[in-house]
PDB file of N, CA and C in Angstrom:
ATOM      1  N   MET A   1      96.293 171.776 202.437  1.00  0.00           N
ATOM      2  CA  MET A   1      95.145 170.988 202.048  1.00  0.00           C
ATOM      3  C   MET A   1      94.694 171.337 200.639  1.00  0.00           C
ATOM      4  N   LEU A   2      94.710 172.630 200.314  1.00  0.00           N
ATOM      5  CA  LEU A   2      94.300 173.060 198.990  1.00  0.00           C
ATOM      6  C   LEU A   2      95.231 172.538 197.911  1.00  0.00           C
ATOM      7  N   THR A   3      96.521 172.523 198.147  1.00  0.00           N
ATOM      8  CA  THR A   3      97.465 172.088 197.129  1.00  0.00           C
ATOM      9  C   THR A   3      97.313 170.603 196.825  1.00  0.00           C
ATOM     10  N   THR A   4      97.010 169.800 197.839  1.00  0.00           N
ATOM     11  CA  THR A   4      96.820 168.375 197.618  1.00  0.00           C
ATOM     12  C   THR A   4      95.603 168.132 196.738  1.00  0.00           C
ATOM     13  N   SER A   5      94.521 168.820 197.026  1.00  0.00           N
ATOM     14  CA  SER A   5      93.310 168.673 196.231  1.00  0.00           C
ATOM     15  C   SER A   5      93.540 169.152 194.801  1.00  0.00           C
ATOM     16  N   ASN A   6      94.228 170.277 194.659  1.00  0.00           N
ATOM     17  CA  ASN A   6      94.494 170.840 193.343  1.00  0.00           C
ATOM     18  C   ASN A   6      95.411 169.927 192.535  1.00  0.00           C
ATOM     19  N   SER A   7      96.456 169.376 193.172  1.00  0.00           N
ATOM     20  CA  SER A   7      97.383 168.498 192.456  1.00  0.00           C
ATOM     21  C   SER A   7      96.709 167.193 192.052  1.00  0.00           C
ATOM     22  N   SER A   8      95.772 166.688 192.847  1.00  0.00           N
ATOM     23  CA  SER A   8      95.070 165.461 192.456  1.00  0.00           C
ATOM     24  C   SER A   8      94.144 165.731 191.272  1.00  0.00           C
ATOM     25  N   LYS A   9      93.547 166.939 191.225  1.00  0.00           N
ATOM     26  CA  LYS A   9      92.714 167.300 190.080  1.00  0.00           C
ATOM     27  C   LYS A   9      93.562 167.399 188.817  1.00  0.00           C
ATOM     28  N   VAL A  10      94.760 167.963 188.957  1.00  0.00           N
ATOM     29  CA  VAL A  10      95.657 168.080 187.813  1.00  0.00           C
ATOM     30  C   VAL A  10      96.088 166.691 187.350  1.00  0.00           C
ATOM     31  N   ALA A  11      96.386 165.792 188.299  1.00  0.00           N
ATOM     32  CA  ALA A  11      96.799 164.429 187.949  1.00  0.00           C
ATOM     33  C   ALA A  11      95.680 163.697 187.225  1.00  0.00           C
ATOM     34  N   ILE A  12      94.449 163.873 187.688  1.00  0.00           N
ATOM     35  CA  ILE A  12      93.304 163.241 187.031  1.00  0.00           C
ATOM     36  C   ILE A  12      93.144 163.810 185.625  1.00  0.00           C
ATOM     37  N   THR A  13      93.284 165.102 185.485  1.00  0.00           N
ATOM     38  CA  THR A  13      93.138 165.739 184.180  1.00  0.00           C
ATOM     39  C   THR A  13      94.218 165.260 183.214  1.00  0.00           C
ATOM     40  N   ILE A  14      95.452 165.164 183.687  1.00  0.00           N
ATOM     41  CA  ILE A  14      96.537 164.675 182.828  1.00  0.00           C
ATOM     42  C   ILE A  14      96.283 163.233 182.424  1.00  0.00           C
ATOM     43  N   ARG A  15      95.867 162.393 183.378  1.00  0.00           N
ATOM     44  CA  ARG A  15      95.551 160.992 183.070  1.00  0.00           C
ATOM     45  C   ARG A  15      94.411 160.900 182.063  1.00  0.00           C
ATOM     46  N   GLU A  16      93.383 161.699 182.259  1.00  0.00           N
ATOM     47  CA  GLU A  16      92.243 161.690 181.329  1.00  0.00           C
ATOM     48  C   GLU A  16      92.671 162.141 179.938  1.00  0.00           C
ATOM     49  N   LYS A  17      93.544 163.144 179.869  1.00  0.00           N
ATOM     50  CA  LYS A  17      94.040 163.631 178.586  1.00  0.00           C
ATOM     51  C   LYS A  17      94.857 162.542 177.883  1.00  0.00           C
ATOM     52  N   GLN A  18      95.714 161.845 178.634  1.00  0.00           N
ATOM     53  CA  GLN A  18      96.514 160.761 178.058  1.00  0.00           C
ATOM     54  C   GLN A  18      95.612 159.632 177.560  1.00  0.00           C
ATOM     55  N   LEU A  19      94.595 159.314 178.333  1.00  0.00           N
ATOM     56  CA  LEU A  19      93.660 158.268 177.935  1.00  0.00           C
ATOM     57  C   LEU A  19      92.891 158.671 176.681  1.00  0.00           C
ATOM     58  N   ALA A  20      92.467 159.929 176.618  1.00  0.00           N
ATOM     59  CA  ALA A  20      91.760 160.418 175.435  1.00  0.00           C
ATOM     60  C   ALA A  20      92.673 160.378 174.206  1.00  0.00           C
ATOM     61  N   ASP A  21      93.941 160.747 174.362  1.00  0.00           N
ATOM     62  CA  ASP A  21      94.896 160.688 173.251  1.00  0.00           C
ATOM     63  C   ASP A  21      95.090 159.252 172.763  1.00  0.00           C
ATOM     64  N   GLU A  22      95.196 158.309 173.697  1.00  0.00           N
ATOM     65  CA  GLU A  22      95.339 156.900 173.318  1.00  0.00           C
ATOM     66  C   GLU A  22      94.101 156.411 172.565  1.00  0.00           C
ATOM     67  N   HIS A  23      92.938 156.789 173.044  1.00  0.00           N
ATOM     68  CA  HIS A  23      91.703 156.374 172.374  1.00  0.00           C
ATOM     69  C   HIS A  23      91.603 156.975 170.972  1.00  0.00           C
ATOM     70  N   MET A  24      92.032 158.221 170.816  1.00  0.00           N
ATOM     71  CA  MET A  24      91.989 158.839 169.496  1.00  0.00           C
ATOM     72  C   MET A  24      92.978 158.180 168.542  1.00  0.00           C
ATOM     73  N   LYS A  25      94.127 157.745 169.053  1.00  0.00           N
ATOM     74  CA  LYS A  25      95.064 156.984 168.216  1.00  0.00           C
ATOM     75  C   LYS A  25      94.429 155.674 167.782  1.00  0.00           C
ATOM     76  N   ASP A  26      93.702 155.033 168.695  1.00  0.00           N
ATOM     77  CA  ASP A  26      92.992 153.798 168.350  1.00  0.00           C
ATOM     78  C   ASP A  26      91.939 154.047 167.270  1.00  0.00           C
ATOM     79  N   VAL A  27      91.198 155.145 167.403  1.00  0.00           N
ATOM     80  CA  VAL A  27      90.177 155.486 166.407  1.00  0.00           C
ATOM     81  C   VAL A  27      90.836 155.696 165.048  1.00  0.00           C
ATOM     82  N   GLU A  28      91.952 156.398 165.027  1.00  0.00           N
ATOM     83  CA  GLU A  28      92.647 156.644 163.764  1.00  0.00           C
ATOM     84  C   GLU A  28      93.146 155.335 163.145  1.00  0.00           C
ATOM     85  N   LEU A  29      93.682 154.438 163.969  1.00  0.00           N
ATOM     86  CA  LEU A  29      94.134 153.138 163.451  1.00  0.00           C
ATOM     87  C   LEU A  29      92.969 152.318 162.912  1.00  0.00           C
ATOM     88  N   LEU A  30      91.848 152.368 163.600  1.00  0.00           N
ATOM     89  CA  LEU A  30      90.667 151.655 163.115  1.00  0.00           C
ATOM     90  C   LEU A  30      90.185 152.210 161.785  1.00  0.00           C
ATOM     91  N   LEU A  31      90.209 153.527 161.658  1.00  0.00           N
ATOM     92  CA  LEU A  31      89.808 154.144 160.391  1.00  0.00           C
ATOM     93  C   LEU A  31      90.782 153.788 159.265  1.00  0.00           C
ATOM     94  N   GLU A  32      92.089 153.775 159.558  1.00  0.00           N
ATOM     95  CA  GLU A  32      93.072 153.362 158.549  1.00  0.00           C
ATOM     96  C   GLU A  32      92.808 151.934 158.102  1.00  0.00           C
ATOM     97  N   ASN A  33      92.539 151.067 159.066  1.00  0.00           N
ATOM     98  CA  ASN A  33      92.240 149.668 158.747  1.00  0.00           C
ATOM     99  C   ASN A  33      90.983 149.563 157.891  1.00  0.00           C
ATOM    100  N   MET A  34      89.975 150.347 158.221  1.00  0.00           N
ATOM    101  CA  MET A  34      88.734 150.333 157.449  1.00  0.00           C
ATOM    102  C   MET A  34      88.983 150.793 156.015  1.00  0.00           C
ATOM    103  N   PHE A  35      89.799 151.831 155.839  1.00  0.00           N
ATOM    104  CA  PHE A  35      90.085 152.318 154.493  1.00  0.00           C
ATOM    105  C   PHE A  35      90.853 151.273 153.689  1.00  0.00           C
ATOM    106  N   LYS A  36      91.711 150.503 154.338  1.00  0.00           N
ATOM    107  CA  LYS A  36      92.444 149.447 153.623  1.00  0.00           C
ATOM    108  C   LYS A  36      91.521 148.296 153.252  1.00  0.00           C
ATOM    109  N   ARG A  37      90.663 147.879 154.185  1.00  0.00           N
ATOM    110  CA  ARG A  37      89.759 146.756 153.927  1.00  0.00           C
ATOM    111  C   ARG A  37      88.678 147.112 152.922  1.00  0.00           C
ATOM    112  N   GLU A  38      88.217 148.323 152.964  1.00  0.00           N
ATOM    113  CA  GLU A  38      87.101 148.747 152.124  1.00  0.00           C
ATOM    114  C   GLU A  38      87.569 149.623 150.961  1.00  0.00           C
ATOM    115  N   GLU A  39      88.713 149.267 150.372  1.00  0.00           N
ATOM    116  CA  GLU A  39      89.251 150.072 149.281  1.00  0.00           C
ATOM    117  C   GLU A  39      88.312 150.079 148.074  1.00  0.00           C
ATOM    118  N   ALA A  40      87.663 148.969 147.805  1.00  0.00           N
ATOM    119  CA  ALA A  40      86.730 148.919 146.673  1.00  0.00           C
ATOM    120  C   ALA A  40      85.575 149.895 146.887  1.00  0.00           C
ATOM    121  N   THR A  41      85.075 149.969 148.102  1.00  0.00           N
ATOM    122  CA  THR A  41      84.004 150.913 148.407  1.00  0.00           C
ATOM    123  C   THR A  41      84.496 152.348 148.248  1.00  0.00           C
ATOM    124  N   LEU A  42      85.689 152.615 148.740  1.00  0.00           N
ATOM    125  CA  LEU A  42      86.277 153.947 148.594  1.00  0.00           C
ATOM    126  C   LEU A  42      86.401 154.317 147.120  1.00  0.00           C
ATOM    127  N   GLN A  43      86.852 153.389 146.307  1.00  0.00           N
ATOM    128  CA  GLN A  43      87.003 153.651 144.877  1.00  0.00           C
ATOM    129  C   GLN A  43      85.659 153.956 144.223  1.00  0.00           C
ATOM    130  N   LEU A  44      84.649 153.182 144.562  1.00  0.00           N
ATOM    131  CA  LEU A  44      83.325 153.427 143.991  1.00  0.00           C
ATOM    132  C   LEU A  44      82.763 154.785 144.412  1.00  0.00           C
ATOM    133  N   VAL A  45      82.936 155.129 145.679  1.00  0.00           N
ATOM    134  CA  VAL A  45      82.448 156.428 146.167  1.00  0.00           C
ATOM    135  C   VAL A  45      83.148 157.563 145.430  1.00  0.00           C
ATOM    136  N   LEU A  46      84.468 157.474 145.309  1.00  0.00           N
ATOM    137  CA  LEU A  46      85.216 158.528 144.618  1.00  0.00           C
ATOM    138  C   LEU A  46      84.834 158.615 143.145  1.00  0.00           C
ATOM    139  N   ASP A  47      84.633 157.474 142.500  1.00  0.00           N
ATOM    140  CA  ASP A  47      84.204 157.484 141.095  1.00  0.00           C
ATOM    141  C   ASP A  47      82.869 158.185 140.926  1.00  0.00           C
ATOM    142  N   ARG A  48      81.918 157.862 141.788  1.00  0.00           N
ATOM    143  CA  ARG A  48      80.593 158.480 141.681  1.00  0.00           C
ATOM    144  C   ARG A  48      80.661 159.979 141.953  1.00  0.00           C
ATOM    145  N   LEU A  49      81.439 160.354 142.962  1.00  0.00           N
ATOM    146  CA  LEU A  49      81.591 161.779 143.257  1.00  0.00           C
ATOM    147  C   LEU A  49      82.255 162.523 142.099  1.00  0.00           C
ATOM    148  N   TYR A  50      83.236 161.883 141.449  1.00  0.00           N
ATOM    149  CA  TYR A  50      83.882 162.504 140.291  1.00  0.00           C
ATOM    150  C   TYR A  50      82.885 162.692 139.153  1.00  0.00           C
ATOM    151  N   ASP A  51      82.088 161.656 138.886  1.00  0.00           N
ATOM    152  CA  ASP A  51      81.096 161.752 137.812  1.00  0.00           C
ATOM    153  C   ASP A  51      80.114 162.895 138.058  1.00  0.00           C
ATOM    154  N   ILE A  52      79.577 162.953 139.258  1.00  0.00           N
ATOM    155  CA  ILE A  52      78.598 163.989 139.599  1.00  0.00           C
ATOM    156  C   ILE A  52      79.249 165.365 139.582  1.00  0.00           C
ATOM    157  N   GLY A  53      80.402 165.482 140.221  1.00  0.00           N
ATOM    158  CA  GLY A  53      81.069 166.774 140.321  1.00  0.00           C
ATOM    159  C   GLY A  53      81.532 167.314 138.979  1.00  0.00           C
ATOM    160  N   SER A  54      82.105 166.446 138.150  1.00  0.00           N
ATOM    161  CA  SER A  54      82.585 166.928 136.850  1.00  0.00           C
ATOM    162  C   SER A  54      81.409 167.359 135.968  1.00  0.00           C
ATOM    163  N   ASN A  55      80.342 166.583 135.942  1.00  0.00           N
ATOM    164  CA  ASN A  55      79.165 166.970 135.146  1.00  0.00           C
ATOM    165  C   ASN A  55      78.559 168.277 135.641  1.00  0.00           C
ATOM    166  N   ASN A  56      78.405 168.417 136.940  1.00  0.00           N
ATOM    167  CA  ASN A  56      77.831 169.651 137.487  1.00  0.00           C
ATOM    168  C   ASN A  56      78.719 170.858 137.201  1.00  0.00           C
ATOM    169  N   LEU A  57      80.035 170.687 137.355  1.00  0.00           N
ATOM    170  CA  LEU A  57      80.956 171.785 137.098  1.00  0.00           C
ATOM    171  C   LEU A  57      80.940 172.191 135.629  1.00  0.00           C
ATOM    172  N   ILE A  58      80.959 171.209 134.746  1.00  0.00           N
ATOM    173  CA  ILE A  58      80.939 171.509 133.309  1.00  0.00           C
ATOM    174  C   ILE A  58      79.626 172.173 132.921  1.00  0.00           C
ATOM    175  N   ASN A  59      78.515 171.655 133.411  1.00  0.00           N
ATOM    176  CA  ASN A  59      77.219 172.266 133.091  1.00  0.00           C
ATOM    177  C   ASN A  59      77.122 173.690 133.628  1.00  0.00           C
ATOM    178  N   TYR A  60      77.740 173.958 134.773  1.00  0.00           N
ATOM    179  CA  TYR A  60      77.687 175.279 135.383  1.00  0.00           C
ATOM    180  C   TYR A  60      78.588 176.273 134.649  1.00  0.00           C
ATOM    181  N   ARG A  61      79.790 175.824 134.256  1.00  0.00           N
ATOM    182  CA  ARG A  61      80.785 176.735 133.693  1.00  0.00           C
ATOM    183  C   ARG A  61      80.755 176.841 132.166  1.00  0.00           C
ATOM    184  N   VAL A  62      80.352 175.763 131.460  1.00  0.00           N
ATOM    185  CA  VAL A  62      80.450 175.732 130.001  1.00  0.00           C
ATOM    186  C   VAL A  62      79.052 175.739 129.412  1.00  0.00           C
ATOM    187  N   LYS A  63      78.711 176.821 128.721  1.00  0.00           N
ATOM    188  CA  LYS A  63      77.359 176.963 128.185  1.00  0.00           C
ATOM    189  C   LYS A  63      77.191 176.429 126.758  1.00  0.00           C
ATOM    190  N   PRO A  64      78.118 176.701 125.817  1.00  0.00           N
ATOM    191  CA  PRO A  64      77.897 176.203 124.446  1.00  0.00           C
ATOM    192  C   PRO A  64      77.810 174.677 124.411  1.00  0.00           C
ATOM    193  N   ARG A  65      76.806 174.154 123.742  1.00  0.00           N
ATOM    194  CA  ARG A  65      76.515 172.719 123.755  1.00  0.00           C
ATOM    195  C   ARG A  65      77.679 171.876 123.226  1.00  0.00           C
ATOM    196  N   ARG A  66      78.303 172.294 122.125  1.00  0.00           N
ATOM    197  CA  ARG A  66      79.404 171.512 121.542  1.00  0.00           C
ATOM    198  C   ARG A  66      80.603 171.489 122.490  1.00  0.00           C
ATOM    199  N   LEU A  67      80.912 172.627 123.053  1.00  0.00           N
ATOM    200  CA  LEU A  67      82.026 172.703 123.993  1.00  0.00           C
ATOM    201  C   LEU A  67      81.715 171.904 125.262  1.00  0.00           C
ATOM    202  N   ASN A  68      80.458 171.902 125.646  1.00  0.00           N
ATOM    203  CA  ASN A  68      80.022 171.149 126.816  1.00  0.00           C
ATOM    204  C   ASN A  68      80.304 169.660 126.608  1.00  0.00           C
ATOM    205  N   ARG A  69      79.938 169.133 125.452  1.00  0.00           N
ATOM    206  CA  ARG A  69      80.187 167.714 125.154  1.00  0.00           C
ATOM    207  C   ARG A  69      81.676 167.405 125.126  1.00  0.00           C
ATOM    208  N   LEU A  70      82.465 168.297 124.535  1.00  0.00           N
ATOM    209  CA  LEU A  70      83.912 168.110 124.485  1.00  0.00           C
ATOM    210  C   LEU A  70      84.495 168.058 125.892  1.00  0.00           C
ATOM    211  N   MET A  71      84.067 168.944 126.755  1.00  0.00           N
ATOM    212  CA  MET A  71      84.580 168.968 128.132  1.00  0.00           C
ATOM    213  C   MET A  71      84.185 167.705 128.899  1.00  0.00           C
ATOM    214  N   LYS A  72      82.988 167.196 128.663  1.00  0.00           N
ATOM    215  CA  LYS A  72      82.575 165.951 129.328  1.00  0.00           C
ATOM    216  C   LYS A  72      83.411 164.783 128.829  1.00  0.00           C
ATOM    217  N   TRP A  73      83.767 164.791 127.556  1.00  0.00           N
ATOM    218  CA  TRP A  73      84.627 163.737 127.009  1.00  0.00           C
ATOM    219  C   TRP A  73      86.017 163.817 127.654  1.00  0.00           C
ATOM    220  N   ILE A  74      86.549 165.025 127.804  1.00  0.00           N
ATOM    221  CA  ILE A  74      87.852 165.222 128.453  1.00  0.00           C
ATOM    222  C   ILE A  74      87.786 164.768 129.911  1.00  0.00           C
ATOM    223  N   ALA A  75      86.670 165.050 130.561  1.00  0.00           N
ATOM    224  CA  ALA A  75      86.509 164.633 131.964  1.00  0.00           C
ATOM    225  C   ALA A  75      86.535 163.107 132.085  1.00  0.00           C
ATOM    226  N   ARG A  76      85.927 162.411 131.131  1.00  0.00           N
ATOM    227  CA  ARG A  76      85.968 160.945 131.155  1.00  0.00           C
ATOM    228  C   ARG A  76      87.389 160.431 130.952  1.00  0.00           C
ATOM    229  N   LEU A  77      88.168 161.122 130.095  1.00  0.00           N
ATOM    230  CA  LEU A  77      89.549 160.706 129.851  1.00  0.00           C
ATOM    231  C   LEU A  77      90.440 160.923 131.073  1.00  0.00           C
ATOM    232  N   THR A  78      90.171 161.951 131.841  1.00  0.00           N
ATOM    233  CA  THR A  78      91.020 162.258 133.004  1.00  0.00           C
ATOM    234  C   THR A  78      90.594 161.511 134.262  1.00  0.00           C
ATOM    235  N   LYS A  79      89.517 160.775 134.190  1.00  0.00           N
ATOM    236  CA  LYS A  79      89.002 160.068 135.368  1.00  0.00           C
ATOM    237  C   LYS A  79      90.017 159.082 135.954  1.00  0.00           C
ATOM    238  N   PRO A  80      90.734 158.266 135.159  1.00  0.00           N
ATOM    239  CA  PRO A  80      91.701 157.331 135.763  1.00  0.00           C
ATOM    240  C   PRO A  80      92.805 158.041 136.555  1.00  0.00           C
ATOM    241  N   ALA A  81      93.282 159.165 136.047  1.00  0.00           N
ATOM    242  CA  ALA A  81      94.319 159.902 136.780  1.00  0.00           C
ATOM    243  C   ALA A  81      93.762 160.437 138.095  1.00  0.00           C
ATOM    244  N   PHE A  82      92.555 161.003 138.038  1.00  0.00           N
ATOM    245  CA  PHE A  82      91.917 161.485 139.258  1.00  0.00           C
ATOM    246  C   PHE A  82      91.730 160.328 140.238  1.00  0.00           C
ATOM    247  N   HIS A  83      91.279 159.205 139.725  1.00  0.00           N
ATOM    248  CA  HIS A  83      91.001 158.035 140.557  1.00  0.00           C
ATOM    249  C   HIS A  83      92.262 157.612 141.312  1.00  0.00           C
ATOM    250  N   TYR A  84      93.371 157.499 140.609  1.00  0.00           N
ATOM    251  CA  TYR A  84      94.632 157.078 141.226  1.00  0.00           C
ATOM    252  C   TYR A  84      95.060 158.053 142.322  1.00  0.00           C
ATOM    253  N   ILE A  85      95.043 159.335 141.999  1.00  0.00           N
ATOM    254  CA  ILE A  85      95.483 160.350 142.962  1.00  0.00           C
ATOM    255  C   ILE A  85      94.526 160.435 144.149  1.00  0.00           C
ATOM    256  N   ALA A  86      93.238 160.385 143.883  1.00  0.00           N
ATOM    257  CA  ALA A  86      92.244 160.525 144.953  1.00  0.00           C
ATOM    258  C   ALA A  86      92.273 159.347 145.925  1.00  0.00           C
ATOM    259  N   VAL A  87      92.444 158.142 145.407  1.00  0.00           N
ATOM    260  CA  VAL A  87      92.497 156.969 146.290  1.00  0.00           C
ATOM    261  C   VAL A  87      93.734 157.044 147.177  1.00  0.00           C
ATOM    262  N   ARG A  88      94.881 157.377 146.597  1.00  0.00           N
ATOM    263  CA  ARG A  88      96.103 157.490 147.401  1.00  0.00           C
ATOM    264  C   ARG A  88      95.965 158.579 148.462  1.00  0.00           C
ATOM    265  N   TRP A  89      95.440 159.745 148.062  1.00  0.00           N
ATOM    266  CA  TRP A  89      95.288 160.850 149.007  1.00  0.00           C
ATOM    267  C   TRP A  89      94.307 160.474 150.109  1.00  0.00           C
ATOM    268  N   SER A  90      93.208 159.837 149.740  1.00  0.00           N
ATOM    269  CA  SER A  90      92.181 159.482 150.723  1.00  0.00           C
ATOM    270  C   SER A  90      92.701 158.481 151.738  1.00  0.00           C
ATOM    271  N   LYS A  91      93.404 157.463 151.269  1.00  0.00           N
ATOM    272  CA  LYS A  91      93.926 156.465 152.195  1.00  0.00           C
ATOM    273  C   LYS A  91      94.959 157.062 153.135  1.00  0.00           C
ATOM    274  N   LYS A  92      95.682 158.068 152.665  1.00  0.00           N
ATOM    275  CA  LYS A  92      96.726 158.678 153.487  1.00  0.00           C
ATOM    276  C   LYS A  92      96.154 159.694 154.468  1.00  0.00           C
ATOM    277  N   ASN A  93      95.210 160.511 154.044  1.00  0.00           N
ATOM    278  CA  ASN A  93      94.771 161.663 154.839  1.00  0.00           C
ATOM    279  C   ASN A  93      93.414 161.527 155.515  1.00  0.00           C
ATOM    280  N   CYS A  94      92.500 160.782 154.939  1.00  0.00           N
ATOM    281  CA  CYS A  94      91.133 160.746 155.474  1.00  0.00           C
ATOM    282  C   CYS A  94      91.025 160.177 156.888  1.00  0.00           C
ATOM    283  N   PRO A  95      91.742 159.105 157.234  1.00  0.00           N
ATOM    284  CA  PRO A  95      91.596 158.623 158.615  1.00  0.00           C
ATOM    285  C   PRO A  95      91.921 159.694 159.655  1.00  0.00           C
ATOM    286  N   LYS A  96      92.973 160.462 159.437  1.00  0.00           N
ATOM    287  CA  LYS A  96      93.344 161.526 160.384  1.00  0.00           C
ATOM    288  C   LYS A  96      92.293 162.634 160.377  1.00  0.00           C
ATOM    289  N   LEU A  97      91.846 163.042 159.193  1.00  0.00           N
ATOM    290  CA  LEU A  97      90.843 164.102 159.106  1.00  0.00           C
ATOM    291  C   LEU A  97      89.530 163.683 159.763  1.00  0.00           C
ATOM    292  N   ILE A  98      89.101 162.465 159.520  1.00  0.00           N
ATOM    293  CA  ILE A  98      87.853 161.972 160.107  1.00  0.00           C
ATOM    294  C   ILE A  98      87.988 161.843 161.618  1.00  0.00           C
ATOM    295  N   ALA A  99      89.134 161.312 162.081  1.00  0.00           N
ATOM    296  CA  ALA A  99      89.347 161.171 163.527  1.00  0.00           C
ATOM    297  C   ALA A  99      89.338 162.536 164.208  1.00  0.00           C
ATOM    298  N   ASP A 100      89.992 163.516 163.606  1.00  0.00           N
ATOM    299  CA  ASP A 100      89.996 164.868 164.182  1.00  0.00           C
ATOM    300  C   ASP A 100      88.588 165.453 164.213  1.00  0.00           C
ATOM    301  N   TRP A 101      87.844 165.256 163.136  1.00  0.00           N
ATOM    302  CA  TRP A 101      86.472 165.773 163.094  1.00  0.00           C
ATOM    303  C   TRP A 101      85.607 165.084 164.155  1.00  0.00           C
ATOM    304  N   LEU A 102      85.746 163.772 164.288  1.00  0.00           N
ATOM    305  CA  LEU A 102      84.974 163.046 165.300  1.00  0.00           C
ATOM    306  C   LEU A 102      85.333 163.523 166.701  1.00  0.00           C
ATOM    307  N   TYR A 103      86.607 163.805 166.935  1.00  0.00           N
ATOM    308  CA  TYR A 103      87.036 164.289 168.243  1.00  0.00           C
ATOM    309  C   TYR A 103      86.375 165.633 168.565  1.00  0.00           C
ATOM    310  N   THR A 104      86.254 166.496 167.559  1.00  0.00           N
ATOM    311  CA  THR A 104      85.590 167.781 167.808  1.00  0.00           C
ATOM    312  C   THR A 104      84.110 167.585 168.122  1.00  0.00           C
ATOM    313  N   GLN A 105      83.523 166.505 167.638  1.00  0.00           N
ATOM    314  CA  GLN A 105      82.113 166.250 167.889  1.00  0.00           C
ATOM    315  C   GLN A 105      81.851 165.803 169.324  1.00  0.00           C
ATOM    316  N   VAL A 106      82.854 165.255 169.994  1.00  0.00           N
ATOM    317  CA  VAL A 106      82.667 164.803 171.375  1.00  0.00           C
ATOM    318  C   VAL A 106      83.303 165.762 172.383  1.00  0.00           C
ATOM    319  N   GLN A 107      83.827 166.882 171.916  1.00  0.00           N
ATOM    320  CA  GLN A 107      84.384 167.901 172.798  1.00  0.00           C
ATOM    321  C   GLN A 107      83.262 168.786 173.317  1.00  0.00           C
ATOM    322  N   PHE A 108      83.392 169.225 174.549  1.00  0.00           N
ATOM    323  CA  PHE A 108      82.445 170.163 175.142  1.00  0.00           C
ATOM    324  C   PHE A 108      83.240 171.337 175.688  1.00  0.00           C
ATOM    325  N   PRO A 109      82.656 172.511 175.689  1.00  0.00           N
ATOM    326  CA  PRO A 109      83.398 173.662 176.221  1.00  0.00           C
ATOM    327  C   PRO A 109      83.659 173.481 177.719  1.00  0.00           C
ATOM    328  N   HIS A 110      84.814 173.976 178.151  1.00  0.00           N
ATOM    329  CA  HIS A 110      85.158 173.879 179.572  1.00  0.00           C
ATOM    330  C   HIS A 110      84.311 174.864 180.360  1.00  0.00           C
ATOM    331  N   PRO A 111      83.800 174.453 181.523  1.00  0.00           N
ATOM    332  CA  PRO A 111      83.015 175.382 182.337  1.00  0.00           C
ATOM    333  C   PRO A 111      83.912 176.508 182.855  1.00  0.00           C
ATOM    334  N   PRO A 112      83.362 177.680 183.044  1.00  0.00           N
ATOM    335  CA  PRO A 112      84.174 178.799 183.559  1.00  0.00           C
ATOM    336  C   PRO A 112      84.706 178.489 184.953  1.00  0.00           C
ATOM    337  N   VAL A 113      85.939 178.845 185.202  1.00  0.00           N
ATOM    338  CA  VAL A 113      86.582 178.579 186.498  1.00  0.00           C
ATOM    339  C   VAL A 113      86.190 179.657 187.482  1.00  0.00           C
ATOM    340  N   GLY A 114      85.819 179.254 188.689  1.00  0.00           N
ATOM    341  CA  GLY A 114      85.515 180.189 189.760  1.00  0.00           C
ATOM    342  C   GLY A 114      84.058 180.614 189.831  1.00  0.00           C
ATOM    343  N   ASN A 115      83.210 180.101 188.977  1.00  0.00           N
ATOM    344  CA  ASN A 115      81.796 180.473 189.044  1.00  0.00           C
ATOM    345  C   ASN A 115      80.962 179.373 189.611  1.00  0.00           C
TER     346      ASN A 115
END
């Protein structure tokens, strides 16, 4: 009697795990689709983050005023290269990273067995 109950619990757990895996694949596909449809938004977000980050980094690391201006000019020149690389990397990696992070947000610790 115990083995039947235990095996049905295992079967339910395996089915639930398979269903959760399928749903997470769906979430990842939806995120990939969103990144493709909203590429203009992604580009704008990355551009703004680059502007803020480069200015903050230069202001933090470079103190002489003339050198500070030169570094900001260099940062503006390198923006297109960053933009190209960042958009490609984001479209390739962000859906998986976001899906994994979201999955951790809906995970709960397993209750202790036997208590």
